[in-house]
Structures are given as structure tokens and as C-alpha cells.
Amino acid sequence: MPKKADSNCPVCGKPIQKDYRPFCSRGCKDRDLLNWLGDGYRIPGPQVSQTGVDSESEGG
């Protein structure tokens, strides 16, 4: 039997609302988007040197 999904908003912990799933409100939905757009969430990876970034942008 599959495990029941969490029924709380990942931003504030309040119960989710069907219209904004998996969030509780438009505000939390927008806050989550702003975190992604503003580097609030990061995916770990190897560190890139500034020199490596500059040479890639000049070569294309």
C-alpha cells in the first residue's frame, strides 16, 4: 500500500488547499517560486571557478 502524502504546506506547515496543492495559499506558492528564482534553494554540485565561467561565455 502506498504511503500517504504529506498534507501540510512545505513553506509554512499549514494544511494544504486543493487549489494551491502542495501549498496552503497563493502566498506560499509565490514565496516558494521566489526562493527558486532568488537562489533561496540550491542544488549542491561541484564548485566552478570564475575563470571557467568566463572562458565558457567567451567561447560560444
PDB file of N, CA and C in Angstrom:
ATOM      1  N   MET A   1       0.847  -1.188   0.000  1.00  0.00           N
ATOM      2  CA  MET A   1       0.000   0.000   0.000  1.00  0.00           C
ATOM      3  C   MET A   1       0.888   1.244   0.000  1.00  0.00           C
ATOM      4  N   PRO A   2       0.640   2.203  -0.922  1.00  0.00           N
ATOM      5  CA  PRO A   2       1.475   3.409  -0.973  1.00  0.00           C
ATOM      6  C   PRO A   2       1.339   4.264   0.280  1.00  0.00           C
ATOM      7  N   LYS A   3       2.423   4.922   0.620  1.00  0.00           N
ATOM      8  CA  LYS A   3       2.425   5.813   1.778  1.00  0.00           C
ATOM      9  C   LYS A   3       1.622   7.071   1.454  1.00  0.00           C
ATOM     10  N   LYS A   4       0.816   7.537   2.411  1.00  0.00           N
ATOM     11  CA  LYS A   4       0.015   8.745   2.221  1.00  0.00           C
ATOM     12  C   LYS A   4       0.931   9.965   2.167  1.00  0.00           C
ATOM     13  N   ALA A   5       0.684  10.825   1.180  1.00  0.00           N
ATOM     14  CA  ALA A   5       1.498  12.033   1.018  1.00  0.00           C
ATOM     15  C   ALA A   5       1.261  12.993   2.177  1.00  0.00           C
ATOM     16  N   ASP A   6       2.244  13.805   2.450  1.00  0.00           N
ATOM     17  CA  ASP A   6       2.131  14.830   3.488  1.00  0.00           C
ATOM     18  C   ASP A   6       0.999  15.783   3.128  1.00  0.00           C
ATOM     19  N   SER A   7       0.238  16.208   4.115  1.00  0.00           N
ATOM     20  CA  SER A   7      -0.873  17.112   3.837  1.00  0.00           C
ATOM     21  C   SER A   7      -0.624  18.501   4.411  1.00  0.00           C
ATOM     22  N   ASN A   8       0.640  18.846   4.603  1.00  0.00           N
ATOM     23  CA  ASN A   8       0.996  20.164   5.119  1.00  0.00           C
ATOM     24  C   ASN A   8       1.814  20.935   4.095  1.00  0.00           C
ATOM     25  N   CYS A   9       1.639  22.229   4.091  1.00  0.00           N
ATOM     26  CA  CYS A   9       2.360  23.133   3.196  1.00  0.00           C
ATOM     27  C   CYS A   9       3.860  23.046   3.496  1.00  0.00           C
ATOM     28  N   PRO A  10       4.700  22.881   2.471  1.00  0.00           N
ATOM     29  CA  PRO A  10       6.140  22.802   2.717  1.00  0.00           C
ATOM     30  C   PRO A  10       6.760  24.136   3.138  1.00  0.00           C
ATOM     31  N   VAL A  11       6.048  25.242   2.951  1.00  0.00           N
ATOM     32  CA  VAL A  11       6.578  26.559   3.307  1.00  0.00           C
ATOM     33  C   VAL A  11       6.253  26.916   4.754  1.00  0.00           C
ATOM     34  N   CYS A  12       4.973  26.764   5.148  1.00  0.00           N
ATOM     35  CA  CYS A  12       4.575  27.222   6.486  1.00  0.00           C
ATOM     36  C   CYS A  12       4.044  26.116   7.398  1.00  0.00           C
ATOM     37  N   GLY A  13       3.749  24.943   6.844  1.00  0.00           N
ATOM     38  CA  GLY A  13       3.287  23.832   7.660  1.00  0.00           C
ATOM     39  C   GLY A  13       1.786  23.750   7.867  1.00  0.00           C
ATOM     40  N   LYS A  14       1.020  24.712   7.343  1.00  0.00           N
ATOM     41  CA  LYS A  14      -0.441  24.675   7.462  1.00  0.00           C
ATOM     42  C   LYS A  14      -1.009  23.607   6.536  1.00  0.00           C
ATOM     43  N   PRO A  15      -2.244  23.170   6.772  1.00  0.00           N
ATOM     44  CA  PRO A  15      -2.868  22.180   5.876  1.00  0.00           C
ATOM     45  C   PRO A  15      -2.965  22.717   4.446  1.00  0.00           C
ATOM     46  N   ILE A  16      -2.740  21.829   3.467  1.00  0.00           N
ATOM     47  CA  ILE A  16      -2.777  22.262   2.070  1.00  0.00           C
ATOM     48  C   ILE A  16      -4.205  22.519   1.613  1.00  0.00           C
ATOM     49  N   GLN A  17      -4.330  23.347   0.587  1.00  0.00           N
ATOM     50  CA  GLN A  17      -5.609  23.629  -0.055  1.00  0.00           C
ATOM     51  C   GLN A  17      -5.554  23.054  -1.466  1.00  0.00           C
ATOM     52  N   LYS A  18      -6.634  22.432  -1.887  1.00  0.00           N
ATOM     53  CA  LYS A  18      -6.686  21.759  -3.183  1.00  0.00           C
ATOM     54  C   LYS A  18      -6.273  22.681  -4.333  1.00  0.00           C
ATOM     55  N   ASP A  19      -6.727  23.913  -4.323  1.00  0.00           N
ATOM     56  CA  ASP A  19      -6.439  24.842  -5.421  1.00  0.00           C
ATOM     57  C   ASP A  19      -4.964  25.230  -5.515  1.00  0.00           C
ATOM     58  N   TYR A  20      -4.217  25.097  -4.420  1.00  0.00           N
ATOM     59  CA  TYR A  20      -2.820  25.535  -4.394  1.00  0.00           C
ATOM     60  C   TYR A  20      -1.857  24.386  -4.127  1.00  0.00           C
ATOM     61  N   ARG A  21      -2.307  23.176  -4.214  1.00  0.00           N
ATOM     62  CA  ARG A  21      -1.517  21.995  -3.902  1.00  0.00           C
ATOM     63  C   ARG A  21      -0.138  22.075  -4.520  1.00  0.00           C
ATOM     64  N   PRO A  22       0.925  21.828  -3.850  1.00  0.00           N
ATOM     65  CA  PRO A  22       1.069  21.301  -2.498  1.00  0.00           C
ATOM     66  C   PRO A  22       1.175  22.382  -1.432  1.00  0.00           C
ATOM     67  N   PHE A  23       0.706  23.593  -1.731  1.00  0.00           N
ATOM     68  CA  PHE A  23       0.797  24.703  -0.784  1.00  0.00           C
ATOM     69  C   PHE A  23      -0.561  24.987  -0.152  1.00  0.00           C
ATOM     70  N   CYS A  24      -0.579  25.882   0.840  1.00  0.00           N
ATOM     71  CA  CYS A  24      -1.829  26.217   1.521  1.00  0.00           C
ATOM     72  C   CYS A  24      -2.487  27.461   0.941  1.00  0.00           C
ATOM     73  N   SER A  25      -1.719  28.275   0.214  1.00  0.00           N
ATOM     74  CA  SER A  25      -2.260  29.538  -0.292  1.00  0.00           C
ATOM     75  C   SER A  25      -1.418  30.034  -1.460  1.00  0.00           C
ATOM     76  N   ARG A  26      -1.937  31.026  -2.121  1.00  0.00           N
ATOM     77  CA  ARG A  26      -1.180  31.652  -3.218  1.00  0.00           C
ATOM     78  C   ARG A  26       0.097  32.297  -2.681  1.00  0.00           C
ATOM     79  N   GLY A  27       0.021  32.856  -1.474  1.00  0.00           N
ATOM     80  CA  GLY A  27       1.193  33.487  -0.874  1.00  0.00           C
ATOM     81  C   GLY A  27       2.350  32.514  -0.698  1.00  0.00           C
ATOM     82  N   CYS A  28       2.063  31.330  -0.185  1.00  0.00           N
ATOM     83  CA  CYS A  28       3.123  30.335  -0.002  1.00  0.00           C
ATOM     84  C   CYS A  28       3.621  29.816  -1.353  1.00  0.00           C
ATOM     85  N   LYS A  29       2.726  29.684  -2.302  1.00  0.00           N
ATOM     86  CA  LYS A  29       3.114  29.264  -3.649  1.00  0.00           C
ATOM     87  C   LYS A  29       4.080  30.282  -4.253  1.00  0.00           C
ATOM     88  N   ASP A  30       3.752  31.570  -4.116  1.00  0.00           N
ATOM     89  CA  ASP A  30       4.611  32.634  -4.636  1.00  0.00           C
ATOM     90  C   ASP A  30       5.936  32.711  -3.881  1.00  0.00           C
ATOM     91  N   ARG A  31       5.908  32.523  -2.557  1.00  0.00           N
ATOM     92  CA  ARG A  31       7.143  32.543  -1.767  1.00  0.00           C
ATOM     93  C   ARG A  31       8.093  31.442  -2.210  1.00  0.00           C
ATOM     94  N   ASP A  32       7.529  30.263  -2.494  1.00  0.00           N
ATOM     95  CA  ASP A  32       8.349  29.151  -2.957  1.00  0.00           C
ATOM     96  C   ASP A  32       8.995  29.484  -4.303  1.00  0.00           C
ATOM     97  N   LEU A  33       8.223  30.057  -5.218  1.00  0.00           N
ATOM     98  CA  LEU A  33       8.767  30.451  -6.518  1.00  0.00           C
ATOM     99  C   LEU A  33       9.881  31.485  -6.353  1.00  0.00           C
ATOM    100  N   LEU A  34       9.668  32.465  -5.491  1.00  0.00           N
ATOM    101  CA  LEU A  34      10.696  33.485  -5.261  1.00  0.00           C
ATOM    102  C   LEU A  34      11.971  32.883  -4.676  1.00  0.00           C
ATOM    103  N   ASN A  35      11.833  31.855  -3.839  1.00  0.00           N
ATOM    104  CA  ASN A  35      13.020  31.181  -3.310  1.00  0.00           C
ATOM    105  C   ASN A  35      13.818  30.525  -4.430  1.00  0.00           C
ATOM    106  N   TRP A  36      13.123  29.911  -5.393  1.00  0.00           N
ATOM    107  CA  TRP A  36      13.824  29.298  -6.524  1.00  0.00           C
ATOM    108  C   TRP A  36      14.475  30.362  -7.400  1.00  0.00           C
ATOM    109  N   LEU A  37      13.772  31.442  -7.667  1.00  0.00           N
ATOM    110  CA  LEU A  37      14.299  32.482  -8.546  1.00  0.00           C
ATOM    111  C   LEU A  37      15.405  33.304  -7.897  1.00  0.00           C
ATOM    112  N   GLY A  38      15.381  33.431  -6.582  1.00  0.00           N
ATOM    113  CA  GLY A  38      16.356  34.256  -5.874  1.00  0.00           C
ATOM    114  C   GLY A  38      17.462  33.479  -5.204  1.00  0.00           C
ATOM    115  N   ASP A  39      17.739  32.267  -5.629  1.00  0.00           N
ATOM    116  CA  ASP A  39      18.795  31.426  -5.062  1.00  0.00           C
ATOM    117  C   ASP A  39      18.547  31.040  -3.612  1.00  0.00           C
ATOM    118  N   GLY A  40      17.288  31.052  -3.168  1.00  0.00           N
ATOM    119  CA  GLY A  40      16.968  30.591  -1.824  1.00  0.00           C
ATOM    120  C   GLY A  40      17.124  29.080  -1.702  1.00  0.00           C
ATOM    121  N   TYR A  41      16.921  28.388  -2.826  1.00  0.00           N
ATOM    122  CA  TYR A  41      17.139  26.941  -2.894  1.00  0.00           C
ATOM    123  C   TYR A  41      18.333  26.715  -3.800  1.00  0.00           C
ATOM    124  N   ARG A  42      19.180  25.808  -3.401  1.00  0.00           N
ATOM    125  CA  ARG A  42      20.353  25.494  -4.216  1.00  0.00           C
ATOM    126  C   ARG A  42      20.525  23.991  -4.303  1.00  0.00           C
ATOM    127  N   ILE A  43      20.956  23.539  -5.448  1.00  0.00           N
ATOM    128  CA  ILE A  43      21.252  22.128  -5.651  1.00  0.00           C
ATOM    129  C   ILE A  43      22.765  21.985  -5.563  1.00  0.00           C
ATOM    130  N   PRO A  44      23.258  21.142  -4.648  1.00  0.00           N
ATOM    131  CA  PRO A  44      24.701  21.021  -4.477  1.00  0.00           C
ATOM    132  C   PRO A  44      25.369  20.450  -5.727  1.00  0.00           C
ATOM    133  N   GLY A  45      26.545  20.920  -5.990  1.00  0.00           N
ATOM    134  CA  GLY A  45      27.329  20.443  -7.118  1.00  0.00           C
ATOM    135  C   GLY A  45      28.759  20.910  -6.973  1.00  0.00           C
ATOM    136  N   PRO A  46      29.597  20.529  -7.918  1.00  0.00           N
ATOM    137  CA  PRO A  46      30.991  20.959  -7.826  1.00  0.00           C
ATOM    138  C   PRO A  46      31.109  22.467  -8.003  1.00  0.00           C
ATOM    139  N   GLN A  47      32.039  23.053  -7.287  1.00  0.00           N
ATOM    140  CA  GLN A  47      32.254  24.496  -7.373  1.00  0.00           C
ATOM    141  C   GLN A  47      32.929  24.830  -8.701  1.00  0.00           C
ATOM    142  N   VAL A  48      32.457  25.883  -9.348  1.00  0.00           N
ATOM    143  CA  VAL A  48      33.002  26.323 -10.626  1.00  0.00           C
ATOM    144  C   VAL A  48      33.829  27.574 -10.381  1.00  0.00           C
ATOM    145  N   SER A  49      35.034  27.587 -10.930  1.00  0.00           N
ATOM    146  CA  SER A  49      35.873  28.779 -10.761  1.00  0.00           C
ATOM    147  C   SER A  49      35.362  29.891 -11.659  1.00  0.00           C
ATOM    148  N   GLN A  50      35.605  31.128 -11.274  1.00  0.00           N
ATOM    149  CA  GLN A  50      35.167  32.279 -12.069  1.00  0.00           C
ATOM    150  C   GLN A  50      35.829  32.256 -13.443  1.00  0.00           C
ATOM    151  N   THR A  51      37.082  31.809 -13.513  1.00  0.00           N
ATOM    152  CA  THR A  51      37.799  31.722 -14.782  1.00  0.00           C
ATOM    153  C   THR A  51      37.092  30.758 -15.725  1.00  0.00           C
ATOM    154  N   GLY A  52      36.629  29.629 -15.204  1.00  0.00           N
ATOM    155  CA  GLY A  52      35.913  28.648 -16.021  1.00  0.00           C
ATOM    156  C   GLY A  52      34.624  29.208 -16.588  1.00  0.00           C
ATOM    157  N   VAL A  53      33.928  30.011 -15.841  1.00  0.00           N
ATOM    158  CA  VAL A  53      32.679  30.613 -16.296  1.00  0.00           C
ATOM    159  C   VAL A  53      32.965  31.632 -17.388  1.00  0.00           C
ATOM    160  N   ASP A  54      33.990  32.468 -17.205  1.00  0.00           N
ATOM    161  CA  ASP A  54      34.344  33.484 -18.199  1.00  0.00           C
ATOM    162  C   ASP A  54      34.748  32.853 -19.529  1.00  0.00           C
ATOM    163  N   SER A  55      35.559  31.803 -19.498  1.00  0.00           N
ATOM    164  CA  SER A  55      36.032  31.198 -20.740  1.00  0.00           C
ATOM    165  C   SER A  55      34.897  30.509 -21.487  1.00  0.00           C
ATOM    166  N   GLU A  56      33.917  29.954 -20.789  1.00  0.00           N
ATOM    167  CA  GLU A  56      32.778  29.324 -21.449  1.00  0.00           C
ATOM    168  C   GLU A  56      31.923  30.354 -22.166  1.00  0.00           C
ATOM    169  N   SER A  57      31.696  31.507 -21.562  1.00  0.00           N
ATOM    170  CA  SER A  57      30.838  32.516 -22.173  1.00  0.00           C
ATOM    171  C   SER A  57      31.516  33.185 -23.367  1.00  0.00           C
ATOM    172  N   GLU A  58      32.836  33.262 -23.383  1.00  0.00           N
ATOM    173  CA  GLU A  58      33.556  33.882 -24.495  1.00  0.00           C
ATOM    174  C   GLU A  58      33.697  32.941 -25.686  1.00  0.00           C
ATOM    175  N   GLY A  59      33.652  31.645 -25.433  1.00  0.00           N
ATOM    176  CA  GLY A  59      33.882  30.678 -26.499  1.00  0.00           C
ATOM    177  C   GLY A  59      32.672  30.392 -27.361  1.00  0.00           C
ATOM    178  N   GLY A  60      31.483  30.856 -26.991  1.00  0.00           N
ATOM    179  CA  GLY A  60      30.281  30.443 -27.687  1.00  0.00           C
ATOM    180  C   GLY A  60      29.754  31.447 -28.573  1.00  0.00           C
TER     181      GLY A  60
END
